[in-house]
C-alpha cells in the first residue's frame, strides 16, 4: 500500500511484529515511532528504583503509570511525588492530593488555564529540593538505555517487555547500591 500523504495514527497503522507497540513521539517536532511507555518511581534520597510500570503509549500513559505506582506504595504516611511539567494538570494534582500524596510537579505556566500547582506547594523548601532531585530519574533512564540495552526493545509483547524493563531496573538498583556502599569503586 502507498501511505504517502496520509496521516498515520494507532487507528490506521499497527506493527506486524509487535501488535502491542503504539506510535508515539517525544515532542511535536519529532517523528512517531513504535514504542512502549516505560515509567519508574524512584526514592529521591539515594536514587533507588522503587517501582516500574510499562504501559502502551497514549497521551495519558505517564500520568496513569504514576497513579498505579503511587497506589502500590506501602504505608499511610504522606509522600511527595516530584515530576515534570507534563504532570501539571488539575485532574492529576487533585487525584494525587486525594491519594495522600503531595505533588511536587514543575509548574507549567505557559499552559492555558495556568498551573495546577500553587503557592501552598511551592512556598515550602521541600518543593525546591524535589525539583533538584527529580533529575536523578534521568540517570536511571540513561543507564537502562545504554548499559541495560533497552534503547530498542529486543522482545515483543507488553508483558515480556515489561518483565525485561523491570529486570533491567533491578540490575540498575544492584549497581546503584554497590556504588552507594563503596564510593571508591565508582571510578573503577
N, C-alpha and C. Protein backbone atom coordinates (compact mmCIF):
# COMPACT_ATOMS: atom_id res chain seq x y z
N UNK A 1 0.83 -1.18 0.00
CA UNK A 1 0.00 0.00 0.00
C UNK A 1 0.88 1.24 0.00
N UNK A 2 0.35 2.32 -0.55
CA UNK A 2 1.06 3.59 -0.57
C UNK A 2 0.39 4.52 0.43
N UNK A 3 1.11 4.84 1.52
CA UNK A 3 0.58 5.71 2.56
C UNK A 3 1.07 7.15 2.42
N UNK A 4 1.66 7.49 1.28
CA UNK A 4 2.22 8.82 1.08
C UNK A 4 1.13 9.89 1.24
N UNK A 5 1.39 10.83 2.11
CA UNK A 5 0.46 11.94 2.31
C UNK A 5 -0.63 11.67 3.34
N UNK A 6 -0.74 10.42 3.82
CA UNK A 6 -1.76 10.10 4.81
C UNK A 6 -1.22 10.32 6.22
N UNK A 7 -2.11 10.71 7.10
CA UNK A 7 -1.74 10.85 8.49
C UNK A 7 -1.72 9.48 9.13
N UNK A 8 -0.64 9.17 9.83
CA UNK A 8 -0.52 7.88 10.49
C UNK A 8 -0.95 8.02 11.94
N UNK A 9 -1.68 7.05 12.41
CA UNK A 9 -2.11 7.02 13.81
C UNK A 9 -2.23 5.57 14.24
N UNK A 10 -2.45 5.36 15.51
CA UNK A 10 -2.60 4.00 16.02
C UNK A 10 -3.87 3.33 15.51
N UNK A 11 -4.83 4.12 15.04
CA UNK A 11 -6.05 3.56 14.48
C UNK A 11 -5.83 3.05 13.05
N UNK A 12 -4.90 3.67 12.31
CA UNK A 12 -4.68 3.29 10.92
C UNK A 12 -3.48 2.38 10.71
N UNK A 13 -2.54 2.35 11.66
CA UNK A 13 -1.32 1.57 11.49
C UNK A 13 -1.07 0.71 12.72
N UNK A 14 -0.54 -0.49 12.47
CA UNK A 14 -0.21 -1.40 13.55
C UNK A 14 1.02 -2.19 13.14
N UNK A 15 1.87 -2.47 14.10
CA UNK A 15 3.07 -3.25 13.83
C UNK A 15 2.68 -4.68 13.50
N UNK A 16 3.33 -5.24 12.50
CA UNK A 16 3.08 -6.63 12.14
C UNK A 16 3.82 -7.58 13.07
N UNK A 17 4.90 -7.12 13.69
CA UNK A 17 5.69 -7.99 14.57
C UNK A 17 5.34 -7.82 16.04
N UNK A 18 4.85 -6.65 16.43
CA UNK A 18 4.51 -6.40 17.84
C UNK A 18 3.23 -5.57 17.92
N UNK A 19 2.08 -6.23 17.90
CA UNK A 19 0.81 -5.50 17.89
C UNK A 19 0.54 -4.68 19.16
N UNK A 20 1.29 -4.95 20.26
CA UNK A 20 1.10 -4.18 21.49
C UNK A 20 1.78 -2.81 21.43
N UNK A 21 2.79 -2.65 20.58
CA UNK A 21 3.50 -1.37 20.48
C UNK A 21 2.60 -0.32 19.82
N UNK A 22 2.76 0.93 20.24
CA UNK A 22 1.95 2.02 19.72
C UNK A 22 2.84 3.14 19.20
N UNK A 23 2.32 3.88 18.22
CA UNK A 23 3.04 5.03 17.71
C UNK A 23 3.07 6.13 18.78
N UNK A 24 4.25 6.68 19.00
CA UNK A 24 4.40 7.76 19.99
C UNK A 24 5.56 8.63 19.55
N UNK A 25 5.55 9.87 20.03
CA UNK A 25 6.68 10.76 19.76
C UNK A 25 7.00 11.57 21.00
N UNK A 26 8.26 11.97 21.09
CA UNK A 26 8.73 12.70 22.26
C UNK A 26 8.15 14.11 22.33
N UNK A 27 8.08 14.78 21.19
CA UNK A 27 7.55 16.14 21.16
C UNK A 27 7.02 16.44 19.77
N UNK A 28 6.44 17.62 19.60
CA UNK A 28 5.81 17.98 18.34
C UNK A 28 6.73 17.95 17.13
N UNK A 29 8.01 18.19 17.31
CA UNK A 29 8.94 18.24 16.19
C UNK A 29 9.56 16.91 15.82
N UNK A 30 9.30 15.87 16.58
CA UNK A 30 9.90 14.57 16.32
C UNK A 30 8.94 13.64 15.59
N UNK A 31 9.52 12.62 14.96
CA UNK A 31 8.70 11.64 14.25
C UNK A 31 8.12 10.64 15.23
N UNK A 32 7.04 10.01 14.84
CA UNK A 32 6.43 8.97 15.66
C UNK A 32 7.15 7.66 15.43
N UNK A 33 7.34 6.91 16.50
CA UNK A 33 7.97 5.59 16.42
C UNK A 33 7.14 4.61 17.24
N UNK A 34 7.23 3.36 16.87
CA UNK A 34 6.57 2.33 17.66
C UNK A 34 7.31 2.19 18.98
N UNK A 35 6.56 2.24 20.09
CA UNK A 35 7.21 2.25 21.39
C UNK A 35 6.25 1.81 22.48
N UNK A 36 6.82 1.67 23.67
CA UNK A 36 6.08 1.47 24.90
C UNK A 36 6.40 2.65 25.81
N UNK A 37 5.60 2.84 26.83
CA UNK A 37 5.81 3.92 27.78
C UNK A 37 6.35 3.31 29.08
N UNK A 38 7.66 3.39 29.27
CA UNK A 38 8.29 2.85 30.47
C UNK A 38 8.40 3.94 31.53
N UNK A 39 8.00 3.62 32.75
CA UNK A 39 8.00 4.59 33.84
C UNK A 39 8.63 3.96 35.07
N UNK A 40 9.35 4.78 35.83
CA UNK A 40 9.93 4.31 37.08
C UNK A 40 9.59 5.29 38.20
N UNK A 41 9.48 4.76 39.39
CA UNK A 41 9.29 5.55 40.60
C UNK A 41 10.56 5.35 41.40
N UNK A 42 11.25 6.46 41.73
CA UNK A 42 12.49 6.34 42.49
C UNK A 42 12.34 7.03 43.84
N UNK A 43 13.19 6.61 44.72
CA UNK A 43 13.34 7.24 46.01
C UNK A 43 14.42 8.30 45.81
N UNK A 44 14.10 9.56 46.09
CA UNK A 44 15.00 10.67 45.73
C UNK A 44 16.28 10.74 46.54
N UNK A 45 16.27 10.24 47.75
CA UNK A 45 17.45 10.39 48.60
C UNK A 45 18.67 9.67 48.01
N UNK A 46 18.47 8.44 47.53
CA UNK A 46 19.59 7.64 47.03
C UNK A 46 19.46 7.26 45.56
N UNK A 47 18.34 7.56 44.94
CA UNK A 47 18.17 7.24 43.52
C UNK A 47 17.88 5.78 43.25
N UNK A 48 17.27 5.09 44.20
CA UNK A 48 16.94 3.67 44.05
C UNK A 48 15.55 3.56 43.41
N UNK A 49 15.43 2.68 42.43
CA UNK A 49 14.14 2.44 41.78
C UNK A 49 13.25 1.66 42.75
N UNK A 50 12.06 2.19 43.02
CA UNK A 50 11.12 1.58 43.94
C UNK A 50 10.08 0.75 43.19
N UNK A 51 9.68 1.22 42.00
CA UNK A 51 8.64 0.53 41.24
C UNK A 51 8.80 0.87 39.76
N UNK A 52 8.28 -0.01 38.92
CA UNK A 52 8.27 0.23 37.48
C UNK A 52 6.88 -0.04 36.93
N UNK A 53 6.57 0.59 35.82
CA UNK A 53 5.32 0.33 35.11
C UNK A 53 5.58 0.55 33.63
N UNK A 54 5.19 -0.40 32.82
CA UNK A 54 5.31 -0.28 31.38
C UNK A 54 3.91 -0.38 30.79
N UNK A 55 3.50 0.66 30.09
CA UNK A 55 2.15 0.71 29.52
C UNK A 55 2.24 0.96 28.02
N UNK A 56 1.12 0.75 27.35
CA UNK A 56 1.05 1.14 25.94
C UNK A 56 1.02 2.66 25.88
N UNK A 57 1.67 3.22 24.88
CA UNK A 57 1.74 4.66 24.73
C UNK A 57 0.36 5.27 24.48
N UNK A 58 0.12 6.36 25.15
CA UNK A 58 -1.07 7.18 24.92
C UNK A 58 -0.75 8.53 25.51
N UNK A 59 -1.57 9.49 25.28
CA UNK A 59 -1.32 10.82 25.82
C UNK A 59 -1.38 10.88 27.33
N UNK A 60 -1.98 9.88 27.95
CA UNK A 60 -2.16 9.88 29.40
C UNK A 60 -1.37 8.78 30.10
N UNK A 61 -0.58 8.01 29.38
CA UNK A 61 0.08 6.83 29.94
C UNK A 61 1.00 7.17 31.10
N UNK A 62 1.76 8.26 31.01
CA UNK A 62 2.68 8.60 32.10
C UNK A 62 1.94 8.92 33.38
N UNK A 63 0.87 9.66 33.28
CA UNK A 63 0.09 10.01 34.48
C UNK A 63 -0.62 8.79 35.06
N UNK A 64 -1.12 7.91 34.18
CA UNK A 64 -1.75 6.68 34.66
C UNK A 64 -0.73 5.80 35.38
N UNK A 65 0.47 5.71 34.82
CA UNK A 65 1.53 4.91 35.44
C UNK A 65 1.89 5.48 36.81
N UNK A 66 1.95 6.80 36.92
CA UNK A 66 2.26 7.42 38.22
C UNK A 66 1.20 7.06 39.25
N UNK A 67 -0.06 7.10 38.85
CA UNK A 67 -1.14 6.75 39.78
C UNK A 67 -1.06 5.28 40.19
N UNK A 68 -0.77 4.40 39.24
CA UNK A 68 -0.65 2.98 39.52
C UNK A 68 0.49 2.73 40.52
N UNK A 69 1.64 3.34 40.27
CA UNK A 69 2.79 3.11 41.13
C UNK A 69 2.60 3.71 42.52
N UNK A 70 1.97 4.88 42.61
CA UNK A 70 1.71 5.50 43.91
C UNK A 70 0.74 4.65 44.73
N UNK A 71 -0.25 4.06 44.08
CA UNK A 71 -1.18 3.18 44.79
C UNK A 71 -0.47 1.98 45.41
N UNK A 72 0.61 1.53 44.78
CA UNK A 72 1.33 0.35 45.27
C UNK A 72 2.33 0.67 46.38
N UNK A 73 2.52 1.95 46.71
CA UNK A 73 3.44 2.33 47.78
C UNK A 73 2.81 1.95 49.11
N UNK A 74 3.57 1.20 49.93
CA UNK A 74 3.08 0.76 51.23
C UNK A 74 3.12 1.90 52.24
N UNK A 75 2.25 1.84 53.21
CA UNK A 75 2.26 2.79 54.31
C UNK A 75 1.15 3.82 54.20
N UNK A 76 0.93 4.49 55.29
CA UNK A 76 -0.13 5.51 55.34
C UNK A 76 0.46 6.91 55.46
N UNK A 77 1.79 6.99 55.57
CA UNK A 77 2.45 8.27 55.69
C UNK A 77 2.36 9.05 54.38
N UNK A 78 2.20 10.35 54.50
CA UNK A 78 2.12 11.22 53.32
C UNK A 78 3.47 11.20 52.60
N UNK A 79 3.44 11.09 51.28
CA UNK A 79 4.67 11.10 50.48
C UNK A 79 4.62 12.26 49.51
N UNK A 80 5.77 12.56 48.91
CA UNK A 80 5.82 13.59 47.87
C UNK A 80 6.16 12.92 46.55
N UNK A 81 5.69 13.50 45.47
CA UNK A 81 5.94 12.98 44.13
C UNK A 81 6.44 14.13 43.27
N UNK A 82 7.71 14.07 42.89
CA UNK A 82 8.27 15.09 42.00
C UNK A 82 8.10 14.62 40.56
N UNK A 83 7.74 15.55 39.68
CA UNK A 83 7.53 15.19 38.27
C UNK A 83 7.71 16.44 37.41
N UNK A 84 7.77 16.23 36.09
CA UNK A 84 7.98 17.34 35.18
C UNK A 84 6.66 18.02 34.81
N UNK A 85 6.75 18.97 33.91
CA UNK A 85 5.58 19.79 33.55
C UNK A 85 4.44 19.01 32.91
N UNK A 86 4.74 17.87 32.35
CA UNK A 86 3.70 17.06 31.73
C UNK A 86 2.66 16.54 32.72
N UNK A 87 3.01 16.56 33.99
CA UNK A 87 2.10 16.08 35.03
C UNK A 87 1.30 17.22 35.66
N UNK A 88 1.55 18.45 35.24
CA UNK A 88 0.88 19.62 35.83
C UNK A 88 -0.49 19.82 35.19
N UNK A 89 -1.42 18.95 35.57
CA UNK A 89 -2.81 19.11 35.15
C UNK A 89 -3.67 19.12 36.40
N UNK A 90 -4.78 19.80 36.35
CA UNK A 90 -5.64 19.92 37.52
C UNK A 90 -6.15 18.55 37.98
N UNK A 91 -6.50 17.68 37.03
CA UNK A 91 -7.01 16.35 37.39
C UNK A 91 -5.95 15.52 38.11
N UNK A 92 -4.72 15.52 37.58
CA UNK A 92 -3.65 14.72 38.18
C UNK A 92 -3.31 15.22 39.58
N UNK A 93 -3.16 16.53 39.72
CA UNK A 93 -2.80 17.11 41.02
C UNK A 93 -3.90 16.82 42.05
N UNK A 94 -5.15 16.96 41.64
CA UNK A 94 -6.28 16.67 42.54
C UNK A 94 -6.28 15.20 42.95
N UNK A 95 -6.04 14.32 42.00
CA UNK A 95 -6.00 12.89 42.28
C UNK A 95 -4.87 12.54 43.25
N UNK A 96 -3.69 13.13 43.05
CA UNK A 96 -2.56 12.87 43.93
C UNK A 96 -2.87 13.34 45.35
N UNK A 97 -3.43 14.51 45.49
CA UNK A 97 -3.77 15.02 46.82
C UNK A 97 -4.80 14.12 47.50
N UNK A 98 -5.72 13.58 46.72
CA UNK A 98 -6.70 12.64 47.26
C UNK A 98 -6.10 11.32 47.68
N UNK A 99 -4.93 10.98 47.14
CA UNK A 99 -4.23 9.73 47.48
C UNK A 99 -3.19 9.95 48.58
N UNK A 100 -3.26 11.06 49.30
CA UNK A 100 -2.33 11.39 50.37
C UNK A 100 -0.91 11.58 49.85
N UNK A 101 -0.79 12.20 48.67
CA UNK A 101 0.49 12.48 48.02
C UNK A 101 0.58 13.98 47.77
N UNK A 102 1.72 14.56 48.15
CA UNK A 102 1.96 15.97 47.86
C UNK A 102 2.63 16.04 46.49
N UNK A 103 1.95 16.59 45.48
CA UNK A 103 2.55 16.63 44.14
C UNK A 103 3.54 17.78 44.00
N UNK A 104 4.82 17.46 43.90
CA UNK A 104 5.86 18.44 43.65
C UNK A 104 6.15 18.45 42.15
N UNK A 105 5.17 18.92 41.40
CA UNK A 105 5.21 18.93 39.95
C UNK A 105 5.73 20.28 39.47
N UNK A 106 6.59 20.26 38.44
CA UNK A 106 7.05 21.53 37.87
C UNK A 106 5.87 22.30 37.34
N UNK A 107 5.87 23.60 37.59
CA UNK A 107 4.76 24.42 37.14
C UNK A 107 4.82 24.66 35.64
N UNK A 108 3.71 24.45 34.97
CA UNK A 108 3.58 24.72 33.55
C UNK A 108 2.78 26.01 33.41
N UNK A 109 3.48 27.13 33.46
CA UNK A 109 2.81 28.43 33.45
C UNK A 109 2.40 28.86 32.04
N UNK A 110 2.87 28.17 31.02
CA UNK A 110 2.53 28.54 29.64
C UNK A 110 1.25 27.90 29.16
N UNK A 111 0.73 26.94 29.94
CA UNK A 111 -0.49 26.26 29.56
C UNK A 111 -1.69 27.15 29.84
N UNK A 112 -2.66 27.08 28.97
CA UNK A 112 -3.87 27.86 29.15
C UNK A 112 -4.59 27.35 30.40
N UNK A 113 -5.02 28.24 31.24
CA UNK A 113 -5.67 27.87 32.50
C UNK A 113 -4.71 27.91 33.67
N UNK A 114 -3.43 28.07 33.40
CA UNK A 114 -2.44 28.18 34.47
C UNK A 114 -2.04 26.86 35.07
N UNK A 115 -1.12 26.95 35.99
CA UNK A 115 -0.58 25.77 36.65
C UNK A 115 -1.55 25.27 37.72
N UNK A 116 -1.56 23.97 37.91
CA UNK A 116 -2.36 23.38 38.97
C UNK A 116 -1.63 23.44 40.31
N UNK A 117 -0.33 23.74 40.28
CA UNK A 117 0.48 23.86 41.49
C UNK A 117 0.49 25.32 41.91
N UNK A 118 0.10 25.56 43.14
CA UNK A 118 0.02 26.94 43.61
C UNK A 118 0.98 27.17 44.77
N UNK A 119 0.85 28.33 45.41
CA UNK A 119 1.76 28.74 46.47
C UNK A 119 1.79 27.84 47.68
N UNK A 120 0.72 27.11 47.94
CA UNK A 120 0.73 26.23 49.12
C UNK A 120 1.72 25.09 48.96
N UNK A 121 2.10 24.79 47.73
CA UNK A 121 3.12 23.77 47.49
C UNK A 121 4.49 24.40 47.28
N UNK A 122 4.57 25.42 46.44
CA UNK A 122 5.86 26.00 46.06
C UNK A 122 6.52 26.80 47.16
N UNK A 123 5.79 27.23 48.17
CA UNK A 123 6.39 28.06 49.23
C UNK A 123 7.30 27.27 50.16
N UNK A 124 7.17 25.96 50.17
CA UNK A 124 7.97 25.13 51.06
C UNK A 124 9.34 24.82 50.45
N UNK A 125 10.34 24.74 51.30
CA UNK A 125 11.70 24.42 50.85
C UNK A 125 11.79 23.04 50.23
N UNK A 126 10.93 22.12 50.66
CA UNK A 126 10.94 20.77 50.12
C UNK A 126 10.61 20.73 48.64
N UNK A 127 9.82 21.69 48.18
CA UNK A 127 9.46 21.74 46.75
C UNK A 127 10.71 21.99 45.91
N UNK A 128 11.54 22.96 46.31
CA UNK A 128 12.77 23.25 45.57
C UNK A 128 13.73 22.06 45.61
N UNK A 129 13.81 21.39 46.76
CA UNK A 129 14.67 20.20 46.87
C UNK A 129 14.17 19.12 45.91
N UNK A 130 12.86 18.89 45.87
CA UNK A 130 12.30 17.89 44.97
C UNK A 130 12.58 18.22 43.51
N UNK A 131 12.52 19.48 43.15
CA UNK A 131 12.78 19.89 41.77
C UNK A 131 14.23 19.63 41.37
N UNK A 132 15.15 19.79 42.32
CA UNK A 132 16.55 19.49 42.03
C UNK A 132 16.79 17.98 41.96
N UNK A 133 16.20 17.24 42.88
CA UNK A 133 16.44 15.80 42.97
C UNK A 133 15.72 15.00 41.88
N UNK A 134 14.63 15.53 41.34
CA UNK A 134 13.86 14.76 40.36
C UNK A 134 14.65 14.46 39.10
N UNK A 135 15.71 15.21 38.86
CA UNK A 135 16.55 14.97 37.69
C UNK A 135 17.33 13.66 37.79
N UNK A 136 17.37 13.09 38.99
CA UNK A 136 18.03 11.79 39.17
C UNK A 136 17.38 10.69 38.35
N UNK A 137 16.13 10.87 38.03
CA UNK A 137 15.42 9.85 37.27
C UNK A 137 16.06 9.67 35.89
N UNK A 138 16.66 10.74 35.38
CA UNK A 138 17.31 10.67 34.06
C UNK A 138 18.51 9.73 34.10
N UNK A 139 19.16 9.62 35.25
CA UNK A 139 20.27 8.67 35.39
C UNK A 139 19.77 7.24 35.18
N UNK A 140 18.61 6.96 35.72
CA UNK A 140 18.04 5.62 35.58
C UNK A 140 17.77 5.32 34.11
N UNK A 141 17.08 6.24 33.44
CA UNK A 141 16.75 6.01 32.03
C UNK A 141 17.99 5.96 31.15
N UNK A 142 19.00 6.79 31.45
CA UNK A 142 20.25 6.74 30.70
C UNK A 142 20.92 5.38 30.84
N UNK A 143 20.96 4.85 32.07
CA UNK A 143 21.58 3.55 32.31
C UNK A 143 20.78 2.45 31.64
N UNK A 144 19.46 2.50 31.77
CA UNK A 144 18.60 1.46 31.19
C UNK A 144 18.75 1.42 29.67
N UNK A 145 18.89 2.58 29.04
CA UNK A 145 19.01 2.62 27.58
C UNK A 145 20.39 2.20 27.09
N UNK A 146 21.45 2.57 27.81
CA UNK A 146 22.80 2.27 27.33
C UNK A 146 23.30 0.94 27.88
N UNK A 147 23.54 0.86 29.17
CA UNK A 147 24.08 -0.35 29.78
C UNK A 147 23.06 -1.48 29.73
N UNK A 148 21.80 -1.17 30.04
CA UNK A 148 20.75 -2.17 30.04
C UNK A 148 20.25 -2.54 28.65
N UNK A 149 20.73 -1.86 27.64
CA UNK A 149 20.44 -2.13 26.23
C UNK A 149 18.94 -2.13 25.90
N UNK A 150 18.19 -1.19 26.49
CA UNK A 150 16.76 -1.11 26.19
C UNK A 150 16.39 0.11 25.34
N UNK A 151 17.39 0.71 24.69
CA UNK A 151 17.05 1.80 23.78
C UNK A 151 16.09 1.30 22.70
N UNK A 152 16.32 0.06 22.30
CA UNK A 152 15.44 -0.60 21.34
C UNK A 152 15.05 -1.96 21.92
N UNK A 153 13.77 -2.18 22.07
CA UNK A 153 13.30 -3.44 22.65
C UNK A 153 13.64 -4.61 21.74
N UNK A 154 14.17 -5.65 22.33
CA UNK A 154 14.52 -6.85 21.58
C UNK A 154 13.50 -7.96 21.79
N UNK A 155 12.46 -7.65 22.51
CA UNK A 155 11.41 -8.61 22.79
C UNK A 155 10.09 -8.06 22.29
N UNK A 156 9.10 -8.89 22.21
CA UNK A 156 7.79 -8.48 21.69
C UNK A 156 6.71 -8.79 22.71
N UNK A 157 5.71 -7.95 22.75
CA UNK A 157 4.59 -8.14 23.65
C UNK A 157 4.74 -7.32 24.92
N UNK A 158 3.65 -6.74 25.36
CA UNK A 158 3.66 -5.85 26.52
C UNK A 158 4.17 -6.55 27.77
N UNK A 159 3.71 -7.76 28.06
CA UNK A 159 4.12 -8.46 29.27
C UNK A 159 5.61 -8.79 29.27
N UNK A 160 6.12 -9.25 28.13
CA UNK A 160 7.53 -9.62 28.04
C UNK A 160 8.42 -8.39 28.16
N UNK A 161 8.08 -7.33 27.46
CA UNK A 161 8.89 -6.11 27.53
C UNK A 161 8.81 -5.51 28.94
N UNK A 162 7.65 -5.59 29.59
CA UNK A 162 7.51 -5.09 30.96
C UNK A 162 8.41 -5.88 31.91
N UNK A 163 8.48 -7.18 31.72
CA UNK A 163 9.33 -8.01 32.56
C UNK A 163 10.80 -7.64 32.37
N UNK A 164 11.23 -7.48 31.12
CA UNK A 164 12.61 -7.12 30.84
C UNK A 164 12.92 -5.72 31.40
N UNK A 165 11.97 -4.80 31.29
CA UNK A 165 12.15 -3.45 31.82
C UNK A 165 12.35 -3.49 33.34
N UNK A 166 11.53 -4.25 34.04
CA UNK A 166 11.65 -4.37 35.50
C UNK A 166 12.96 -5.06 35.88
N UNK A 167 13.33 -6.10 35.14
CA UNK A 167 14.58 -6.81 35.40
C UNK A 167 15.78 -5.87 35.23
N UNK A 168 15.76 -5.05 34.19
CA UNK A 168 16.84 -4.10 33.94
C UNK A 168 16.90 -3.04 35.04
N UNK A 169 15.75 -2.57 35.51
CA UNK A 169 15.72 -1.61 36.61
C UNK A 169 16.27 -2.24 37.89
N UNK A 170 16.03 -3.52 38.09
CA UNK A 170 16.58 -4.22 39.25
C UNK A 170 18.10 -4.30 39.15
N UNK A 171 18.61 -4.57 37.97
CA UNK A 171 20.06 -4.59 37.76
C UNK A 171 20.66 -3.21 38.04
N UNK A 172 19.95 -2.16 37.62
CA UNK A 172 20.40 -0.80 37.92
C UNK A 172 20.49 -0.60 39.43
N UNK A 173 19.49 -1.08 40.18
CA UNK A 173 19.50 -0.94 41.63
C UNK A 173 20.72 -1.62 42.25
N UNK A 174 21.07 -2.79 41.76
CA UNK A 174 22.22 -3.50 42.30
C UNK A 174 23.50 -2.70 42.09
N UNK A 175 23.65 -2.12 40.91
CA UNK A 175 24.82 -1.29 40.63
C UNK A 175 24.79 -0.03 41.49
N UNK A 176 23.62 0.57 41.62
CA UNK A 176 23.49 1.79 42.42
C UNK A 176 23.80 1.52 43.89
N UNK A 177 23.31 0.42 44.43
CA UNK A 177 23.59 0.07 45.83
C UNK A 177 25.08 -0.16 46.04
N UNK A 178 25.70 -0.87 45.10
CA UNK A 178 27.16 -1.08 45.20
C UNK A 178 27.88 0.25 45.22
N UNK A 179 27.48 1.18 44.36
CA UNK A 179 28.14 2.48 44.31
C UNK A 179 27.90 3.30 45.57
N UNK A 180 26.74 3.13 46.18
CA UNK A 180 26.47 3.85 47.43
C UNK A 180 27.27 3.26 48.59
N UNK A 181 27.44 1.94 48.59
CA UNK A 181 28.17 1.29 49.66
C UNK A 181 29.68 1.46 49.54
N UNK A 182 30.17 1.45 48.31
CA UNK A 182 31.62 1.54 48.07
C UNK A 182 31.89 2.65 47.04
N UNK A 183 31.86 3.90 47.47
CA UNK A 183 32.04 5.03 46.53
C UNK A 183 33.36 4.98 45.77
N UNK A 184 34.41 4.39 46.35
CA UNK A 184 35.71 4.32 45.68
C UNK A 184 35.65 3.44 44.43
N UNK A 185 34.72 2.50 44.36
CA UNK A 185 34.61 1.60 43.21
C UNK A 185 33.94 2.26 42.01
N UNK A 186 33.30 3.42 42.20
CA UNK A 186 32.60 4.08 41.09
C UNK A 186 33.53 4.41 39.94
N UNK A 187 34.73 4.86 40.25
CA UNK A 187 35.65 5.25 39.18
C UNK A 187 36.35 4.05 38.57
N UNK A 188 36.30 2.90 39.24
CA UNK A 188 36.98 1.70 38.74
C UNK A 188 36.23 1.07 37.61
